[in-house]
Amino acid sequence: MNYKKEYLETFLKNQGQLFDEPVAENLEEADEFLDECMAVVLDNIKQVKNYFRENGTDTSGMTDAELKSEAEVFSLPDGKFLVVEG
């Protein structure tokens, strides 16, 4: 597995925030899916903002709370963030 179990569990539980239908049914499928779409784990919201900016999203007017509520951003149990490109 490429991602920690707790990250995969968080994605499985919350995948509906980004996708209309489940893209994974178990930890193995979640790991494969996240690997295929090159999901990234970032340490803090500043890194999330930088990630979006580097990928062409204007984040200049966005608050941290708005960034955290983006469908692509999954808050992880350890305070980090998983960013999944839908």
C-alpha atoms as a PDB file:
ATOM      1  CA  MET A   1       0.000   0.000   0.000  1.00  0.00           C
ATOM      2  CA  ASN A   2       1.194   3.485  -0.848  1.00  0.00           C
ATOM      3  CA  TYR A   3      -1.016   5.366   1.617  1.00  0.00           C
ATOM      4  CA  LYS A   4      -1.480   4.872   5.362  1.00  0.00           C
ATOM      5  CA  LYS A   5      -4.466   2.745   6.343  1.00  0.00           C
ATOM      6  CA  GLU A   6      -6.096   5.655   8.198  1.00  0.00           C
ATOM      7  CA  TYR A   7      -5.827   7.823   5.063  1.00  0.00           C
ATOM      8  CA  LEU A   8      -7.449   5.139   2.937  1.00  0.00           C
ATOM      9  CA  GLU A   9     -10.226   4.699   5.487  1.00  0.00           C
ATOM     10  CA  THR A  10     -10.851   8.459   5.502  1.00  0.00           C
ATOM     11  CA  PHE A  11     -11.025   8.521   1.707  1.00  0.00           C
ATOM     12  CA  LEU A  12     -13.382   5.523   1.579  1.00  0.00           C
ATOM     13  CA  LYS A  13     -15.690   7.065   4.162  1.00  0.00           C
ATOM     14  CA  ASN A  14     -15.755  10.503   2.519  1.00  0.00           C
ATOM     15  CA  GLN A  15     -15.335   9.798  -1.204  1.00  0.00           C
ATOM     16  CA  GLY A  16     -18.906  11.015  -1.760  1.00  0.00           C
ATOM     17  CA  GLN A  17     -17.756  14.596  -1.214  1.00  0.00           C
ATOM     18  CA  LEU A  18     -15.940  14.428  -4.564  1.00  0.00           C
ATOM     19  CA  PHE A  19     -17.594  11.635  -6.528  1.00  0.00           C
ATOM     20  CA  ASP A  20     -21.279  10.941  -7.258  1.00  0.00           C
ATOM     21  CA  GLU A  21     -20.691   7.184  -7.090  1.00  0.00           C
ATOM     22  CA  PRO A  22     -18.101   5.224  -5.092  1.00  0.00           C
ATOM     23  CA  VAL A  23     -14.780   4.784  -6.875  1.00  0.00           C
ATOM     24  CA  ALA A  24     -13.482   2.269  -4.323  1.00  0.00           C
ATOM     25  CA  GLU A  25     -15.122  -0.372  -2.149  1.00  0.00           C
ATOM     26  CA  ASN A  26     -12.183  -1.424   0.035  1.00  0.00           C
ATOM     27  CA  LEU A  27      -8.725  -0.331   1.167  1.00  0.00           C
ATOM     28  CA  GLU A  28      -6.919  -1.997  -1.729  1.00  0.00           C
ATOM     29  CA  GLU A  29      -9.156  -0.354  -4.338  1.00  0.00           C
ATOM     30  CA  ALA A  30      -8.818   3.003  -2.569  1.00  0.00           C
ATOM     31  CA  ASP A  31      -5.023   2.697  -2.574  1.00  0.00           C
ATOM     32  CA  GLU A  32      -4.980   1.825  -6.285  1.00  0.00           C
ATOM     33  CA  PHE A  33      -7.357   4.661  -7.151  1.00  0.00           C
ATOM     34  CA  LEU A  34      -5.415   7.275  -5.190  1.00  0.00           C
ATOM     35  CA  ASP A  35      -2.154   6.057  -6.727  1.00  0.00           C
ATOM     36  CA  GLU A  36      -3.600   6.237 -10.256  1.00  0.00           C
ATOM     37  CA  CYS A  37      -4.860   9.806  -9.827  1.00  0.00           C
ATOM     38  CA  MET A  38      -1.611  10.825  -8.093  1.00  0.00           C
ATOM     39  CA  ALA A  39      -3.291  12.011  -4.899  1.00  0.00           C
ATOM     40  CA  VAL A  40      -0.964  13.822  -2.530  1.00  0.00           C
ATOM     41  CA  VAL A  41      -0.734  14.026   1.242  1.00  0.00           C
ATOM     42  CA  LEU A  42       0.211  17.490   2.445  1.00  0.00           C
ATOM     43  CA  ASP A  43       1.293  18.478   5.948  1.00  0.00           C
ATOM     44  CA  ASN A  44      -0.750  21.666   6.378  1.00  0.00           C
ATOM     45  CA  ILE A  45      -3.222  24.043   4.762  1.00  0.00           C
ATOM     46  CA  LYS A  46      -0.393  26.311   3.538  1.00  0.00           C
ATOM     47  CA  GLN A  47       0.935  23.391   1.473  1.00  0.00           C
ATOM     48  CA  VAL A  48      -2.596  22.779   0.150  1.00  0.00           C
ATOM     49  CA  LYS A  49      -2.806  26.422  -0.951  1.00  0.00           C
ATOM     50  CA  ASN A  50       0.610  26.170  -2.638  1.00  0.00           C
ATOM     51  CA  TYR A  51      -0.391  22.907  -4.335  1.00  0.00           C
ATOM     52  CA  PHE A  52      -3.516  24.501  -5.836  1.00  0.00           C
ATOM     53  CA  ARG A  53      -1.568  27.599  -6.885  1.00  0.00           C
ATOM     54  CA  GLU A  54       1.129  25.481  -8.576  1.00  0.00           C
ATOM     55  CA  ASN A  55      -1.609  23.654 -10.480  1.00  0.00           C
ATOM     56  CA  GLY A  56      -3.190  26.839 -11.820  1.00  0.00           C
ATOM     57  CA  THR A  57      -5.943  27.540  -9.272  1.00  0.00           C
ATOM     58  CA  ASP A  58      -6.228  31.119  -8.030  1.00  0.00           C
ATOM     59  CA  THR A  59      -6.349  30.843  -4.245  1.00  0.00           C
ATOM     60  CA  SER A  60      -5.624  34.502  -3.496  1.00  0.00           C
ATOM     61  CA  GLY A  61      -9.122  35.254  -2.178  1.00  0.00           C
ATOM     62  CA  MET A  62      -9.664  31.938  -0.426  1.00  0.00           C
ATOM     63  CA  THR A  63      -9.618  31.533   3.339  1.00  0.00           C
ATOM     64  CA  ASP A  64      -8.168  28.435   4.979  1.00  0.00           C
ATOM     65  CA  ALA A  65     -11.723  27.308   5.790  1.00  0.00           C
ATOM     66  CA  GLU A  66     -12.734  27.648   2.132  1.00  0.00           C
ATOM     67  CA  LEU A  67      -9.709  25.622   1.043  1.00  0.00           C
ATOM     68  CA  LYS A  68     -10.525  22.898   3.571  1.00  0.00           C
ATOM     69  CA  SER A  69     -14.087  22.713   2.212  1.00  0.00           C
ATOM     70  CA  GLU A  70     -12.999  22.140  -1.388  1.00  0.00           C
ATOM     71  CA  ALA A  71     -14.306  18.780  -2.639  1.00  0.00           C
ATOM     72  CA  GLU A  72     -10.769  17.647  -3.531  1.00  0.00           C
ATOM     73  CA  VAL A  73      -9.457  18.234  -0.008  1.00  0.00           C
ATOM     74  CA  PHE A  74      -9.870  15.492   2.584  1.00  0.00           C
ATOM     75  CA  SER A  75      -8.936  16.313   6.185  1.00  0.00           C
ATOM     76  CA  LEU A  76      -6.985  13.427   7.675  1.00  0.00           C
ATOM     77  CA  PRO A  77      -7.064  12.203  11.303  1.00  0.00           C
ATOM     78  CA  ASP A  78      -3.479  13.323  11.978  1.00  0.00           C
ATOM     79  CA  GLY A  79      -4.092  16.907  10.830  1.00  0.00           C
ATOM     80  CA  LYS A  80      -2.673  16.437   7.336  1.00  0.00           C
ATOM     81  CA  PHE A  81      -4.643  16.784   4.103  1.00  0.00           C
ATOM     82  CA  LEU A  82      -5.227  14.404   1.198  1.00  0.00           C
ATOM     83  CA  VAL A  83      -5.756  16.196  -2.122  1.00  0.00           C
ATOM     84  CA  VAL A  84      -7.456  14.124  -4.816  1.00  0.00           C
ATOM     85  CA  GLU A  85      -7.935  15.447  -8.324  1.00  0.00           C
ATOM     86  CA  GLY A  86     -11.419  14.457  -9.413  1.00  0.00           C
END
